[in-house]
Amino acid sequence: MKCSYCGREAEWMDNAVIYGRSYGKSKMIWFCRPCDAWVGCHNNTKEPLGTFADKDLRTARIKAHAAFDVLWKSGVMKRKEAYKYLSEKMGRDMHVGQSDLATCNQIIKLCGGRNEGGEL
C-alpha cells in the first residue's frame, strides 16, 4: 500500500511501533515512517480502516470524533442514527477515518454546537 502523502510503499506492522505495545483488537497498521502517517486495519488484515493520517489530520480526526460522539453518547440518538444524520447533513456517506482536514472541520462545526445532552 502506498502512502497518500509521499507515494512511498508503507510498511504493514503491529501498532506497537506507535503505542509502545500492541493496542486494540485489531493491532495491525500501514505505516509510512518518513511521513509519520498511518492507518489501522480491519481485524488484523491488510484492509485499511480509513486513509493515511499524519499528525495534523490525526488531531483533527480526534476532535471531529469528540464532537460527533456527543450525538450518540448522550443518548439522543443511537450510533447508527448519528452516522445517518451526519451523512445526510454532509451529503455523502461519512466516516471520520476517511475524512480530510476540511471535512473534519465541517464535522466539528456541524456537531460542535451541541451540549452534553446532545441538544442544539
Protein backbone atom coordinates (compact mmCIF):
# COMPACT_ATOMS: atom_id res chain seq x y z
CA MET A 1 0.00 0.00 0.00
CA LYS A 2 1.33 3.42 -0.92
CA CYS A 3 1.37 6.42 1.41
CA SER A 4 -1.08 9.07 0.22
CA TYR A 5 1.34 11.83 1.31
CA CYS A 6 4.61 10.79 -0.35
CA GLY A 7 3.70 7.84 -2.60
CA ARG A 8 6.25 5.51 -0.99
CA GLU A 9 5.39 1.94 -0.07
CA ALA A 10 4.12 1.83 3.51
CA GLU A 11 5.03 -0.94 5.95
CA TRP A 12 2.39 -3.29 7.37
CA MET A 13 3.16 -3.81 11.05
CA ASP A 14 1.95 -4.12 14.61
CA ASN A 15 0.80 -0.80 16.07
CA ALA A 16 3.22 -1.35 18.96
CA VAL A 17 5.63 0.74 16.89
CA ILE A 18 3.33 3.71 17.59
CA TYR A 19 1.97 2.98 21.06
CA GLY A 20 4.81 1.03 22.67
CA ARG A 21 2.61 -2.07 22.94
CA SER A 22 0.00 -3.78 20.77
CA TYR A 23 -3.20 -1.80 21.16
CA GLY A 24 -6.79 -2.84 20.47
CA LYS A 25 -8.37 -5.92 18.94
CA SER A 26 -7.09 -5.00 15.51
CA LYS A 27 -3.44 -4.20 16.11
CA MET A 28 -2.08 -4.03 12.57
CA ILE A 29 -1.40 -0.77 10.70
CA TRP A 30 0.03 0.55 7.48
CA PHE A 31 2.84 2.93 8.49
CA CYS A 32 4.89 5.43 6.49
CA ARG A 33 7.91 6.33 8.62
CA PRO A 34 9.08 9.33 6.55
CA CYS A 35 5.64 10.99 6.81
CA ASP A 36 4.79 9.71 10.31
CA ALA A 37 1.45 8.73 8.80
CA TRP A 38 -0.54 5.57 9.42
CA VAL A 39 -3.89 3.88 9.07
CA GLY A 40 -5.27 1.00 11.11
CA CYS A 41 -6.51 -2.23 9.54
CA HIS A 42 -9.73 -4.25 9.76
CA ASN A 43 -9.43 -7.30 12.03
CA ASN A 44 -5.64 -7.63 11.63
CA THR A 45 -5.95 -7.94 7.86
CA LYS A 46 -4.21 -5.68 5.35
CA GLU A 47 -7.50 -3.86 4.61
CA PRO A 48 -7.26 -0.24 5.86
CA LEU A 49 -9.94 1.19 8.16
CA GLY A 50 -9.71 4.60 6.52
CA THR A 51 -6.99 6.69 4.93
CA PHE A 52 -3.47 7.62 5.99
CA ALA A 53 -3.28 10.38 8.57
CA ASP A 54 -0.31 12.49 9.58
CA LYS A 55 -0.13 14.31 12.93
CA ASP A 56 -2.33 17.25 11.85
CA LEU A 57 -5.02 15.02 10.38
CA ARG A 58 -4.95 12.65 13.38
CA THR A 59 -5.52 15.64 15.68
CA ALA A 60 -8.40 16.89 13.51
CA ARG A 61 -9.99 13.42 13.41
CA ILE A 62 -9.80 13.12 17.20
CA LYS A 63 -11.56 16.49 17.55
CA ALA A 64 -14.16 15.57 14.92
CA HIS A 65 -14.90 12.27 16.66
CA ALA A 66 -15.22 14.00 20.03
CA ALA A 67 -17.75 16.45 18.57
CA PHE A 68 -19.61 13.70 16.71
CA ASP A 69 -19.66 11.29 19.66
CA VAL A 70 -21.83 13.71 21.66
CA LEU A 71 -24.67 12.87 19.25
CA TRP A 72 -24.87 9.24 20.28
CA LYS A 73 -23.11 9.02 23.63
CA SER A 74 -25.61 11.49 25.06
CA GLY A 75 -28.39 9.00 24.29
CA VAL A 76 -30.21 11.40 21.96
CA MET A 77 -29.52 9.05 19.02
CA LYS A 78 -28.18 5.57 18.55
CA ARG A 79 -24.74 5.37 16.94
CA LYS A 80 -26.09 4.24 13.54
CA GLU A 81 -28.67 7.05 13.62
CA ALA A 82 -25.93 9.56 14.37
CA TYR A 83 -23.88 8.39 11.36
CA LYS A 84 -27.01 8.57 9.19
CA TYR A 85 -27.72 12.11 10.45
CA LEU A 86 -24.14 13.18 9.74
CA SER A 87 -24.19 11.57 6.28
CA GLU A 88 -27.43 13.37 5.42
CA LYS A 89 -26.09 16.72 6.63
CA MET A 90 -22.80 16.27 4.74
CA GLY A 91 -24.48 14.93 1.58
CA ARG A 92 -22.40 11.75 1.44
CA ASP A 93 -21.58 8.61 3.39
CA MET A 94 -19.46 9.74 6.33
CA HIS A 95 -16.72 8.06 8.34
CA VAL A 96 -14.29 10.16 10.35
CA GLY A 97 -11.45 7.77 9.48
CA GLN A 98 -11.84 8.69 5.82
CA SER A 99 -12.15 12.44 6.37
CA ASP A 100 -9.62 15.06 5.33
CA LEU A 101 -8.89 18.26 7.29
CA ALA A 102 -11.68 20.27 5.66
CA THR A 103 -14.25 17.54 6.29
CA CYS A 104 -13.14 17.19 9.91
CA ASN A 105 -13.65 20.93 10.34
CA GLN A 106 -17.15 20.63 8.84
CA ILE A 107 -18.00 17.80 11.23
CA ILE A 108 -16.74 19.81 14.20
CA LYS A 109 -18.77 22.82 13.11
CA LEU A 110 -21.89 20.76 12.45
CA CYS A 111 -21.72 18.84 15.73
CA GLY A 112 -19.92 21.38 17.87
CA GLY A 113 -23.00 23.43 18.69
CA ARG A 114 -24.44 20.62 20.78
CA ASN A 115 -24.34 20.48 24.54
CA GLU A 116 -23.52 17.38 26.59
CA GLY A 117 -27.18 16.37 26.44
CA GLY A 118 -26.88 16.33 22.65
CA GLU A 119 -29.28 19.23 22.17
CA LEU A 120 -28.56 22.23 19.95
